[in-house]
PDB file of N, CA and C in Angstrom:
ATOM      1  N   UNK A   1      52.648  89.136  41.682  1.00  0.00           N
ATOM      2  CA  UNK A   1      53.704  88.624  41.340  1.00  0.00           C
ATOM      3  C   UNK A   1      55.250  89.359  41.068  1.00  0.00           C
ATOM      4  N   UNK A   2      54.896  90.185  39.757  1.00  0.00           N
ATOM      5  CA  UNK A   2      55.990  90.917  40.130  1.00  0.00           C
ATOM      6  C   UNK A   2      56.497  92.659  40.284  1.00  0.00           C
ATOM      7  N   UNK A   3      55.140  92.506  41.759  1.00  0.00           N
ATOM      8  CA  UNK A   3      55.258  93.972  42.626  1.00  0.00           C
ATOM      9  C   UNK A   3      55.500  93.017  43.214  1.00  0.00           C
ATOM     10  N   UNK A   4      56.094  91.757  43.954  1.00  0.00           N
ATOM     11  CA  UNK A   4      56.755  91.630  44.772  1.00  0.00           C
ATOM     12  C   UNK A   4      58.771  91.521  44.481  1.00  0.00           C
ATOM     13  N   UNK A   5      58.371  90.970  43.365  1.00  0.00           N
ATOM     14  CA  UNK A   5      60.168  90.874  42.935  1.00  0.00           C
ATOM     15  C   UNK A   5      60.137  92.321  42.416  1.00  0.00           C
ATOM     16  N   UNK A   6      59.867  92.998  42.402  1.00  0.00           N
ATOM     17  CA  UNK A   6      59.950  94.865  42.053  1.00  0.00           C
ATOM     18  C   UNK A   6      61.056  95.396  43.124  1.00  0.00           C
ATOM     19  N   UNK A   7      59.300  95.317  44.710  1.00  0.00           N
ATOM     20  CA  UNK A   7      60.012  95.300  46.069  1.00  0.00           C
ATOM     21  C   UNK A   7      60.620  94.469  46.461  1.00  0.00           C
ATOM     22  N   UNK A   8      60.946  93.501  46.341  1.00  0.00           N
ATOM     23  CA  UNK A   8      62.552  93.181  46.842  1.00  0.00           C
ATOM     24  C   UNK A   8      63.586  93.553  46.121  1.00  0.00           C
ATOM     25  N   UNK A   9      63.553  94.020  45.072  1.00  0.00           N
ATOM     26  CA  UNK A   9      65.265  94.693  44.611  1.00  0.00           C
ATOM     27  C   UNK A   9      65.750  96.331  44.790  1.00  0.00           C
ATOM     28  N   UNK A  10      64.171  96.813  45.293  1.00  0.00           N
ATOM     29  CA  UNK A  10      64.378  98.303  45.693  1.00  0.00           C
ATOM     30  C   UNK A  10      65.281  98.250  47.600  1.00  0.00           C
ATOM     31  N   UNK A  11      64.642  97.037  48.319  1.00  0.00           N
ATOM     32  CA  UNK A  11      64.547  97.081  49.274  1.00  0.00           C
ATOM     33  C   UNK A  11      65.799  97.312  49.432  1.00  0.00           C
ATOM     34  N   UNK A  12      66.639  95.878  48.318  1.00  0.00           N
ATOM     35  CA  UNK A  12      67.934  95.686  48.954  1.00  0.00           C
ATOM     36  C   UNK A  12      69.388  96.783  48.174  1.00  0.00           C
ATOM     37  N   UNK A  13      68.482  97.888  47.547  1.00  0.00           N
ATOM     38  CA  UNK A  13      69.877  98.387  46.827  1.00  0.00           C
ATOM     39  C   UNK A  13      69.544 100.027  47.924  1.00  0.00           C
ATOM     40  N   UNK A  14      68.963  99.800  48.516  1.00  0.00           N
ATOM     41  CA  UNK A  14      68.303 101.357  49.701  1.00  0.00           C
ATOM     42  C   UNK A  14      69.270 100.513  51.355  1.00  0.00           C
ATOM     43  N   UNK A  15      70.214  99.311  50.917  1.00  0.00           N
ATOM     44  CA  UNK A  15      70.509  98.884  52.418  1.00  0.00           C
ATOM     45  C   UNK A  15      71.726  99.436  52.460  1.00  0.00           C
ATOM     46  N   UNK A  16      72.002 100.633  52.853  1.00  0.00           N
ATOM     47  CA  UNK A  16      73.439 101.475  52.895  1.00  0.00           C
ATOM     48  C   UNK A  16      74.641  99.979  53.799  1.00  0.00           C
ATOM     49  N   UNK A  17      74.433  99.291  54.578  1.00  0.00           N
ATOM     50  CA  UNK A  17      75.641  98.561  55.377  1.00  0.00           C
ATOM     51  C   UNK A  17      75.435  97.032  53.905  1.00  0.00           C
ATOM     52  N   UNK A  18      74.538  97.596  53.461  1.00  0.00           N
ATOM     53  CA  UNK A  18      75.194  95.640  52.256  1.00  0.00           C
ATOM     54  C   UNK A  18      76.490  95.430  52.074  1.00  0.00           C
ATOM     55  N   UNK A  19      76.556  96.653  51.564  1.00  0.00           N
ATOM     56  CA  UNK A  19      78.012  96.752  50.092  1.00  0.00           C
ATOM     57  C   UNK A  19      79.444  96.336  51.612  1.00  0.00           C
ATOM     58  N   UNK A  20      79.412  96.273  52.350  1.00  0.00           N
ATOM     59  CA  UNK A  20      79.798  96.863  53.335  1.00  0.00           C
ATOM     60  C   UNK A  20      80.507  95.711  54.042  1.00  0.00           C
ATOM     61  N   UNK A  21      78.983  95.519  54.469  1.00  0.00           N
ATOM     62  CA  UNK A  21      79.501  93.143  55.225  1.00  0.00           C
ATOM     63  C   UNK A  21      80.013  92.727  54.282  1.00  0.00           C
ATOM     64  N   UNK A  22      79.392  92.900  52.469  1.00  0.00           N
ATOM     65  CA  UNK A  22      80.034  92.203  51.945  1.00  0.00           C
ATOM     66  C   UNK A  22      81.604  91.766  51.616  1.00  0.00           C
ATOM     67  N   UNK A  23      81.848  92.841  52.134  1.00  0.00           N
ATOM     68  CA  UNK A  23      83.531  93.251  51.751  1.00  0.00           C
ATOM     69  C   UNK A  23      84.278  92.347  52.959  1.00  0.00           C
ATOM     70  N   UNK A  24      83.291  92.811  54.565  1.00  0.00           N
ATOM     71  CA  UNK A  24      84.668  92.624  55.577  1.00  0.00           C
ATOM     72  C   UNK A  24      84.846  91.736  55.621  1.00  0.00           C
ATOM     73  N   UNK A  25      84.859  90.289  55.470  1.00  0.00           N
ATOM     74  CA  UNK A  25      85.292  88.670  54.988  1.00  0.00           C
ATOM     75  C   UNK A  25      86.676  89.263  54.291  1.00  0.00           C
ATOM     76  N   UNK A  26      86.318  89.710  53.139  1.00  0.00           N
ATOM     77  CA  UNK A  26      87.404  90.305  52.232  1.00  0.00           C
ATOM     78  C   UNK A  26      88.820  91.160  52.933  1.00  0.00           C
ATOM     79  N   UNK A  27      88.448  92.194  53.530  1.00  0.00           N
ATOM     80  CA  UNK A  27      89.218  92.885  54.175  1.00  0.00           C
ATOM     81  C   UNK A  27      90.262  91.979  55.383  1.00  0.00           C
ATOM     82  N   UNK A  28      89.184  90.969  56.190  1.00  0.00           N
ATOM     83  CA  UNK A  28      90.374  90.571  57.522  1.00  0.00           C
ATOM     84  C   UNK A  28      90.671  89.561  56.493  1.00  0.00           C
ATOM     85  N   UNK A  29      90.285  88.698  55.481  1.00  0.00           N
ATOM     86  CA  UNK A  29      91.070  88.629  54.846  1.00  0.00           C
ATOM     87  C   UNK A  29      92.595  88.527  54.932  1.00  0.00           C
ATOM     88  N   UNK A  30      92.882  89.809  53.699  1.00  0.00           N
ATOM     89  CA  UNK A  30      93.955  90.630  54.438  1.00  0.00           C
ATOM     90  C   UNK A  30      95.058  91.213  55.335  1.00  0.00           C
ATOM     91  N   UNK A  31      93.604  91.073  56.352  1.00  0.00           N
ATOM     92  CA  UNK A  31      94.577  91.546  58.014  1.00  0.00           C
ATOM     93  C   UNK A  31      94.923  90.469  58.116  1.00  0.00           C
ATOM     94  N   UNK A  32      94.860  89.102  58.244  1.00  0.00           N
ATOM     95  CA  UNK A  32      94.754  88.271  58.717  1.00  0.00           C
ATOM     96  C   UNK A  32      96.520  87.137  58.225  1.00  0.00           C
ATOM     97  N   UNK A  33      96.682  88.474  56.686  1.00  0.00           N
ATOM     98  CA  UNK A  33      97.680  87.139  55.764  1.00  0.00           C
ATOM     99  C   UNK A  33      99.222  88.701  55.519  1.00  0.00           C
ATOM    100  N   UNK A  34      98.330  89.221  56.105  1.00  0.00           N
ATOM    101  CA  UNK A  34      99.640  90.470  56.425  1.00  0.00           C
ATOM    102  C   UNK A  34     100.635  91.138  57.683  1.00  0.00           C
ATOM    103  N   UNK A  35      99.556  90.325  58.749  1.00  0.00           N
ATOM    104  CA  UNK A  35     100.373  89.765  60.421  1.00  0.00           C
ATOM    105  C   UNK A  35     100.703  88.735  60.564  1.00  0.00           C
ATOM    106  N   UNK A  36     100.352  87.048  59.631  1.00  0.00           N
ATOM    107  CA  UNK A  36     100.861  86.157  59.646  1.00  0.00           C
ATOM    108  C   UNK A  36     101.470  85.487  58.910  1.00  0.00           C
ATOM    109  N   UNK A  37     102.088  86.423  57.529  1.00  0.00           N
ATOM    110  CA  UNK A  37     103.062  85.657  56.748  1.00  0.00           C
ATOM    111  C   UNK A  37     103.819  87.099  56.119  1.00  0.00           C
ATOM    112  N   UNK A  38     103.745  88.205  55.718  1.00  0.00           N
ATOM    113  CA  UNK A  38     104.444  89.307  55.172  1.00  0.00           C
ATOM    114  C   UNK A  38     105.066  89.420  56.194  1.00  0.00           C
ATOM    115  N   UNK A  39     104.631  90.157  57.427  1.00  0.00           N
ATOM    116  CA  UNK A  39     105.179  91.044  58.433  1.00  0.00           C
ATOM    117  C   UNK A  39     106.322  90.265  59.366  1.00  0.00           C
ATOM    118  N   UNK A  40     105.876  89.187  59.267  1.00  0.00           N
ATOM    119  CA  UNK A  40     107.119  87.683  59.725  1.00  0.00           C
ATOM    120  C   UNK A  40     108.393  87.694  59.027  1.00  0.00           C
ATOM    121  N   UNK A  41     107.900  87.598  57.538  1.00  0.00           N
ATOM    122  CA  UNK A  41     109.362  88.144  56.421  1.00  0.00           C
ATOM    123  C   UNK A  41     109.510  89.029  56.439  1.00  0.00           C
ATOM    124  N   UNK A  42     109.055  90.038  56.531  1.00  0.00           N
ATOM    125  CA  UNK A  42     109.891  91.510  56.242  1.00  0.00           C
ATOM    126  C   UNK A  42     110.880  91.607  57.932  1.00  0.00           C
ATOM    127  N   UNK A  43     110.168  90.853  58.661  1.00  0.00           N
ATOM    128  CA  UNK A  43     111.456  91.149  59.973  1.00  0.00           C
ATOM    129  C   UNK A  43     112.556  90.782  59.591  1.00  0.00           C
ATOM    130  N   UNK A  44     112.194  89.106  59.502  1.00  0.00           N
ATOM    131  CA  UNK A  44     113.192  87.956  59.267  1.00  0.00           C
ATOM    132  C   UNK A  44     114.431  88.774  58.060  1.00  0.00           C
ATOM    133  N   UNK A  45     113.428  89.574  56.537  1.00  0.00           N
ATOM    134  CA  UNK A  45     114.884  90.231  55.602  1.00  0.00           C
ATOM    135  C   UNK A  45     115.953  91.001  56.404  1.00  0.00           C
ATOM    136  N   UNK A  46     114.928  91.454  57.469  1.00  0.00           N
ATOM    137  CA  UNK A  46     115.613  93.358  57.834  1.00  0.00           C
ATOM    138  C   UNK A  46     117.386  92.448  58.889  1.00  0.00           C
ATOM    139  N   UNK A  47     117.062  91.258  59.766  1.00  0.00           N
ATOM    140  CA  UNK A  47     117.426  90.344  60.813  1.00  0.00           C
ATOM    141  C   UNK A  47     118.611  90.557  59.688  1.00  0.00           C
ATOM    142  N   UNK A  48     118.631  89.618  59.368  1.00  0.00           N
ATOM    143  CA  UNK A  48     119.495  89.138  58.290  1.00  0.00           C
ATOM    144  C   UNK A  48     120.496  90.484  56.919  1.00  0.00           C
ATOM    145  N   UNK A  49     119.447  91.414  56.839  1.00  0.00           N
ATOM    146  CA  UNK A  49     120.529  92.904  55.792  1.00  0.00           C
ATOM    147  C   UNK A  49     120.817  92.855  57.364  1.00  0.00           C
ATOM    148  N   UNK A  50     121.040  92.817  58.597  1.00  0.00           N
ATOM    149  CA  UNK A  50     121.652  93.935  60.040  1.00  0.00           C
ATOM    150  C   UNK A  50     123.282  92.727  59.819  1.00  0.00           C
ATOM    151  N   UNK A  51     122.479  91.545  59.160  1.00  0.00           N
ATOM    152  CA  UNK A  51     124.445  90.378  59.931  1.00  0.00           C
ATOM    153  C   UNK A  51     124.705  90.463  59.114  1.00  0.00           C
ATOM    154  N   UNK A  52     124.502  90.936  57.840  1.00  0.00           N
ATOM    155  CA  UNK A  52     124.960  90.928  56.598  1.00  0.00           C
ATOM    156  C   UNK A  52     126.228  92.015  56.663  1.00  0.00           C
ATOM    157  N   UNK A  53     125.295  93.302  56.813  1.00  0.00           N
ATOM    158  CA  UNK A  53     125.931  94.428  57.262  1.00  0.00           C
ATOM    159  C   UNK A  53     126.900  94.823  58.329  1.00  0.00           C
ATOM    160  N   UNK A  54     126.754  94.214  59.686  1.00  0.00           N
ATOM    161  CA  UNK A  54     127.926  93.579  60.792  1.00  0.00           C
ATOM    162  C   UNK A  54     129.026  92.420  60.475  1.00  0.00           C
ATOM    163  N   UNK A  55     129.252  91.561  59.877  1.00  0.00           N
ATOM    164  CA  UNK A  55     130.776  91.120  59.624  1.00  0.00           C
ATOM    165  C   UNK A  55     131.198  91.978  59.234  1.00  0.00           C
ATOM    166  N   UNK A  56     132.522  90.780  60.281  1.00  0.00           N
ATOM    167  CA  UNK A  56     133.514  91.930  60.536  1.00  0.00           C
ATOM    168  C   UNK A  56     134.877  90.558  60.073  1.00  0.00           C
ATOM    169  N   UNK A  57     136.003  90.978  59.592  1.00  0.00           N
ATOM    170  CA  UNK A  57     137.091  89.963  60.049  1.00  0.00           C
ATOM    171  C   UNK A  57     137.741  88.701  61.393  1.00  0.00           C
ATOM    172  N   UNK A  58     137.351  87.718  61.129  1.00  0.00           N
ATOM    173  CA  UNK A  58     137.431  87.216  62.339  1.00  0.00           C
ATOM    174  C   UNK A  58     136.487  86.114  62.541  1.00  0.00           C
ATOM    175  N   UNK A  59     134.820  86.676  62.443  1.00  0.00           N
ATOM    176  CA  UNK A  59     133.966  86.559  62.458  1.00  0.00           C
ATOM    177  C   UNK A  59     133.434  84.808  61.814  1.00  0.00           C
ATOM    178  N   UNK A  60     132.856  84.293  62.649  1.00  0.00           N
ATOM    179  CA  UNK A  60     132.854  82.451  62.384  1.00  0.00           C
ATOM    180  C   UNK A  60     131.380  82.962  62.411  1.00  0.00           C
ATOM    181  N   UNK A  61     131.075  82.206  60.548  1.00  0.00           N
ATOM    182  CA  UNK A  61     129.990  82.069  59.875  1.00  0.00           C
ATOM    183  C   UNK A  61     129.073  80.660  59.278  1.00  0.00           C
ATOM    184  N   UNK A  62     128.368  80.506  59.358  1.00  0.00           N
ATOM    185  CA  UNK A  62     127.426  78.943  58.943  1.00  0.00           C
ATOM    186  C   UNK A  62     126.962  79.408  57.551  1.00  0.00           C
ATOM    187  N   UNK A  63     127.224  78.839  56.352  1.00  0.00           N
ATOM    188  CA  UNK A  63     126.742  79.992  54.633  1.00  0.00           C
ATOM    189  C   UNK A  63     125.539  78.564  54.809  1.00  0.00           C
ATOM    190  N   UNK A  64     124.755  79.384  53.437  1.00  0.00           N
ATOM    191  CA  UNK A  64     123.068  78.358  53.098  1.00  0.00           C
ATOM    192  C   UNK A  64     123.463  76.696  53.433  1.00  0.00           C
ATOM    193  N   UNK A  65     124.740  76.132  52.488  1.00  0.00           N
ATOM    194  CA  UNK A  65     125.330  75.212  51.949  1.00  0.00           C
ATOM    195  C   UNK A  65     125.571  74.306  52.970  1.00  0.00           C
ATOM    196  N   UNK A  66     125.367  74.946  53.897  1.00  0.00           N
ATOM    197  CA  UNK A  66     126.213  74.277  55.596  1.00  0.00           C
ATOM    198  C   UNK A  66     127.795  74.652  55.618  1.00  0.00           C
ATOM    199  N   UNK A  67     128.518  75.039  55.906  1.00  0.00           N
ATOM    200  CA  UNK A  67     130.076  75.949  54.992  1.00  0.00           C
ATOM    201  C   UNK A  67     130.031  76.351  56.218  1.00  0.00           C
ATOM    202  N   UNK A  68     130.867  75.708  56.835  1.00  0.00           N
ATOM    203  CA  UNK A  68     131.678  76.399  58.758  1.00  0.00           C
ATOM    204  C   UNK A  68     133.035  77.688  57.791  1.00  0.00           C
ATOM    205  N   UNK A  69     132.997  78.250  58.493  1.00  0.00           N
ATOM    206  CA  UNK A  69     134.681  78.959  58.562  1.00  0.00           C
ATOM    207  C   UNK A  69     134.787  80.599  59.600  1.00  0.00           C
ATOM    208  N   UNK A  70     135.955  81.038  58.920  1.00  0.00           N
ATOM    209  CA  UNK A  70     136.285  81.934  59.535  1.00  0.00           C
ATOM    210  C   UNK A  70     136.308  82.968  58.812  1.00  0.00           C
ATOM    211  N   UNK A  71     135.529  83.876  58.829  1.00  0.00           N
ATOM    212  CA  UNK A  71     136.062  85.010  58.025  1.00  0.00           C
ATOM    213  C   UNK A  71     137.632  85.675  58.241  1.00  0.00           C
ATOM    214  N   UNK A  72     137.799  85.740  57.112  1.00  0.00           N
ATOM    215  CA  UNK A  72     139.384  86.474  57.190  1.00  0.00           C
ATOM    216  C   UNK A  72     139.335  87.418  55.872  1.00  0.00           C
ATOM    217  N   UNK A  73     138.419  88.007  55.209  1.00  0.00           N
ATOM    218  CA  UNK A  73     138.707  89.275  54.180  1.00  0.00           C
ATOM    219  C   UNK A  73     137.661  89.341  53.605  1.00  0.00           C
ATOM    220  N   UNK A  74     137.053  90.884  53.939  1.00  0.00           N
ATOM    221  CA  UNK A  74     135.157  90.853  53.570  1.00  0.00           C
ATOM    222  C   UNK A  74     135.187  92.096  52.832  1.00  0.00           C
ATOM    223  N   UNK A  75     134.183  92.302  51.480  1.00  0.00           N
ATOM    224  CA  UNK A  75     134.141  92.805  50.221  1.00  0.00           C
ATOM    225  C   UNK A  75     133.601  93.390  50.464  1.00  0.00           C
ATOM    226  N   UNK A  76     133.259  94.167  49.269  1.00  0.00           N
ATOM    227  CA  UNK A  76     131.517  94.525  49.370  1.00  0.00           C
ATOM    228  C   UNK A  76     130.336  93.856  49.005  1.00  0.00           C
ATOM    229  N   UNK A  77     130.849  92.248  47.951  1.00  0.00           N
ATOM    230  CA  UNK A  77     129.431  91.830  47.617  1.00  0.00           C
ATOM    231  C   UNK A  77     129.711  89.733  48.605  1.00  0.00           C
ATOM    232  N   UNK A  78     132.097  89.980  48.494  1.00  0.00           N
ATOM    233  CA  UNK A  78     132.280  88.512  49.166  1.00  0.00           C
ATOM    234  C   UNK A  78     133.170  88.699  50.200  1.00  0.00           C
ATOM    235  N   UNK A  79     132.809  87.899  50.734  1.00  0.00           N
ATOM    236  CA  UNK A  79     133.578  87.360  51.972  1.00  0.00           C
ATOM    237  C   UNK A  79     134.255  85.865  51.550  1.00  0.00           C
ATOM    238  N   UNK A  80     135.783  86.213  52.113  1.00  0.00           N
ATOM    239  CA  UNK A  80     136.727  84.766  52.376  1.00  0.00           C
ATOM    240  C   UNK A  80     136.455  84.455  53.070  1.00  0.00           C
ATOM    241  N   UNK A  81     136.565  83.328  53.413  1.00  0.00           N
ATOM    242  CA  UNK A  81     136.387  81.832  54.453  1.00  0.00           C
ATOM    243  C   UNK A  81     137.236  81.019  54.483  1.00  0.00           C
ATOM    244  N   UNK A  82     137.920  80.973  55.764  1.00  0.00           N
ATOM    245  CA  UNK A  82     139.084  80.420  56.073  1.00  0.00           C
ATOM    246  C   UNK A  82     138.225  79.080  56.687  1.00  0.00           C
ATOM    247  N   UNK A  83     138.121  78.123  55.460  1.00  0.00           N
ATOM    248  CA  UNK A  83     137.765  76.393  56.308  1.00  0.00           C
ATOM    249  C   UNK A  83     138.476  75.528  56.915  1.00  0.00           C
ATOM    250  N   UNK A  84     139.912  75.498  56.340  1.00  0.00           N
ATOM    251  CA  UNK A  84     140.863  75.039  57.373  1.00  0.00           C
ATOM    252  C   UNK A  84     142.016  74.778  57.045  1.00  0.00           C
ATOM    253  N   UNK A  85     142.962  74.783  57.798  1.00  0.00           N
ATOM    254  CA  UNK A  85     144.816  75.753  57.987  1.00  0.00           C
ATOM    255  C   UNK A  85     144.598  75.355  56.252  1.00  0.00           C
ATOM    256  N   UNK A  86     145.348  76.607  56.207  1.00  0.00           N
ATOM    257  CA  UNK A  86     145.381  77.821  54.218  1.00  0.00           C
ATOM    258  C   UNK A  86     144.306  76.511  53.363  1.00  0.00           C
ATOM    259  N   UNK A  87     142.670  76.261  53.248  1.00  0.00           N
ATOM    260  CA  UNK A  87     141.973  76.444  52.480  1.00  0.00           C
ATOM    261  C   UNK A  87     141.420  77.061  52.765  1.00  0.00           C
ATOM    262  N   UNK A  88     141.366  78.478  52.117  1.00  0.00           N
ATOM    263  CA  UNK A  88     140.187  79.837  51.421  1.00  0.00           C
ATOM    264  C   UNK A  88     139.375  79.121  50.047  1.00  0.00           C
ATOM    265  N   UNK A  89     137.684  79.519  50.892  1.00  0.00           N
ATOM    266  CA  UNK A  89     137.368  80.137  49.516  1.00  0.00           C
ATOM    267  C   UNK A  89     136.686  80.531  49.786  1.00  0.00           C
ATOM    268  N   UNK A  90     136.237  81.616  48.579  1.00  0.00           N
ATOM    269  CA  UNK A  90     134.828  82.685  48.368  1.00  0.00           C
ATOM    270  C   UNK A  90     133.372  82.812  48.373  1.00  0.00           C
ATOM    271  N   UNK A  91     132.721  83.722  48.870  1.00  0.00           N
ATOM    272  CA  UNK A  91     131.584  83.369  49.040  1.00  0.00           C
ATOM    273  C   UNK A  91     130.705  84.946  49.140  1.00  0.00           C
ATOM    274  N   UNK A  92     128.933  84.325  48.674  1.00  0.00           N
ATOM    275  CA  UNK A  92     128.540  85.392  48.353  1.00  0.00           C
ATOM    276  C   UNK A  92     128.291  86.157  49.927  1.00  0.00           C
ATOM    277  N   UNK A  93     128.355  87.089  50.051  1.00  0.00           N
ATOM    278  CA  UNK A  93     127.778  87.832  51.849  1.00  0.00           C
ATOM    279  C   UNK A  93     126.446  87.794  52.159  1.00  0.00           C
ATOM    280  N   UNK A  94     125.595  86.734  50.455  1.00  0.00           N
ATOM    281  CA  UNK A  94     124.103  87.108  50.776  1.00  0.00           C
ATOM    282  C   UNK A  94     123.922  84.990  51.548  1.00  0.00           C
ATOM    283  N   UNK A  95     125.445  84.934  51.094  1.00  0.00           N
ATOM    284  CA  UNK A  95     124.762  83.054  51.937  1.00  0.00           C
ATOM    285  C   UNK A  95     124.783  82.796  52.551  1.00  0.00           C
ATOM    286  N   UNK A  96     125.123  83.760  54.128  1.00  0.00           N
ATOM    287  CA  UNK A  96     125.433  83.591  55.986  1.00  0.00           C
ATOM    288  C   UNK A  96     124.263  83.262  55.586  1.00  0.00           C
ATOM    289  N   UNK A  97     123.977  82.796  56.934  1.00  0.00           N
ATOM    290  CA  UNK A  97     122.837  82.441  57.470  1.00  0.00           C
ATOM    291  C   UNK A  97     122.513  82.723  58.832  1.00  0.00           C
ATOM    292  N   UNK A  98     124.034  82.659  59.567  1.00  0.00           N
ATOM    293  CA  UNK A  98     124.605  82.157  61.616  1.00  0.00           C
ATOM    294  C   UNK A  98     125.083  82.087  62.066  1.00  0.00           C
ATOM    295  N   UNK A  99     125.237  83.713  62.312  1.00  0.00           N
ATOM    296  CA  UNK A  99     126.739  83.649  62.520  1.00  0.00           C
ATOM    297  C   UNK A  99     127.757  83.381  64.310  1.00  0.00           C
ATOM    298  N   UNK A 100     128.348  82.404  64.563  1.00  0.00           N
ATOM    299  CA  UNK A 100     128.715  81.645  64.689  1.00  0.00           C
ATOM    300  C   UNK A 100     129.847  82.242  66.209  1.00  0.00           C
ATOM    301  N   UNK A 101     129.169  81.896  67.685  1.00  0.00           N
ATOM    302  CA  UNK A 101     129.767  82.362  69.073  1.00  0.00           C
ATOM    303  C   UNK A 101     131.087  82.572  69.058  1.00  0.00           C
ATOM    304  N   UNK A 102     132.346  83.851  68.863  1.00  0.00           N
ATOM    305  CA  UNK A 102     133.552  82.558  68.786  1.00  0.00           C
ATOM    306  C   UNK A 102     133.995  81.873  69.498  1.00  0.00           C
ATOM    307  N   UNK A 103     134.493  81.111  68.983  1.00  0.00           N
ATOM    308  CA  UNK A 103     135.091  79.417  70.048  1.00  0.00           C
ATOM    309  C   UNK A 103     134.709  78.665  69.196  1.00  0.00           C
ATOM    310  N   UNK A 104     133.781  77.948  68.304  1.00  0.00           N
ATOM    311  CA  UNK A 104     132.711  77.337  68.251  1.00  0.00           C
ATOM    312  C   UNK A 104     133.758  76.612  66.956  1.00  0.00           C
ATOM    313  N   UNK A 105     134.374  77.028  65.656  1.00  0.00           N
ATOM    314  CA  UNK A 105     135.136  75.758  65.547  1.00  0.00           C
ATOM    315  C   UNK A 105     136.088  75.301  65.818  1.00  0.00           C
ATOM    316  N   UNK A 106     136.435  75.821  66.587  1.00  0.00           N
ATOM    317  CA  UNK A 106     137.875  75.487  67.267  1.00  0.00           C
ATOM    318  C   UNK A 106     137.122  73.382  68.109  1.00  0.00           C
ATOM    319  N   UNK A 107     136.281  74.071  68.381  1.00  0.00           N
ATOM    320  CA  UNK A 107     135.238  72.448  69.261  1.00  0.00           C
ATOM    321  C   UNK A 107     134.711  72.212  68.335  1.00  0.00           C
ATOM    322  N   UNK A 108     134.791  71.982  66.691  1.00  0.00           N
ATOM    323  CA  UNK A 108     134.310  70.930  66.065  1.00  0.00           C
ATOM    324  C   UNK A 108     135.736  69.817  66.254  1.00  0.00           C
TER     325      UNK A 108
END
């Protein structure tokens, strides 16, 4: 009885592929996690950064809070939006979520 137990322990210790095969599902799970969650999030962040850097005076935008307006002034961290005639507000650049085609606000 003791000999068979000792023999089973030495047989498992001499198998070099056993350790890798146990780690393979965990490695595959991290690879799938990267391609399904991390990579698309990094792509969206890069696109948003490019959108923020490309803002110029006269662009029509929508903020994260749903405010639509035309940019009248751009500074380092803030932009000034004209939301109605003679009504201007300042919002952070990071709050911009969507760049509208020219003339969209007149159609509203």
